[in-house]
Amino acid sequence: MIVLFNKGMKKLLLLILGIFMLMICFAGCTGQPATPPTTPSPVATQLPAVTQPIATPSAIVGEWDLNSYNNGRGGIETVIVGSEVTANFQANWIVAGSGGCNQYSADYTTTASNGITITQPTSTMMACADAVMQQETQYLSLLPTASKYEVSGDQLTLFNATGTKILIYKSAGLKVNPL
């Protein structure tokens, strides 16, 4: 089969072909250069100093049962009979236990001079008898006020910044070796 092009069709075909060639040329001009992207050379940066606790926590690491606590009115109260308030000071700088109703945990650090810092504890949110809840609220509010500790025999005492006794524990007998 022979296809004959008349003069008008040839001009139209050449025009379309010319436009197509121009489009290819312009498309090639707008692309990104073929050079690979440069990666910035590493810059030396100074890392912030990480403050580690000075002393090992070995003196207080272990399970402790709360015997008595500062009631916030100038007196020391014994723990409500039947409620278990505990503190497990772990070698990984976490203290966790029972507030008498709910489980809690917080971070802590110690210093060579028996200083201690305990963060605000987080706890579960169960409801218990009013007296136990009041005791737990007082206990959890006292933990982050501790600034000094003393271990004497099987007793751990935490003091606030003014030197007032705030929490008095007895060893639960489950001493844990530090990591």
Foldseek 3Di string as FASTA:
>chain_A
DDDDDDPVRVVVVVVVVVVVVVVVVVVVVPDDDPDDDDDDDDDDDDDDDDDAAADQPQLPAAKWWWQWFDLVPPDIDGDDPPFTDMWHCARVQKIWDDLRFWTKMWGKGAHPQQFMATDQIDIDDDDDPPVSVSSSVLVSVVRRQFTGWDDDPQKIWTAGPVRHTGTIIGGPPGGDDRD
